[in-house]
Amino acid sequence: MATEFVIYTDESVKDGELFSNFYGSALVRSKHFPDVLETHANIKAEQNLHGELK
């Protein structure tokens, strides 16, 4: 059976003293993807975070 990977990438450029170029990515085996999404959502909820995370 072939191995499938899901690759998420994101970049952001913002101006200002505290912002710069941010680059992020995550490499996840597709079979683990639902668990990663659930864990991510749970942690965001526990930490009261509602926006995009980098």
Foldseek 3Di string as FASTA:
>chain_A
DDWDKDKDKDWDADDDDPGGIDIDMDIDTPVCVVVVVVVVVVVCVVVVHDDDDD
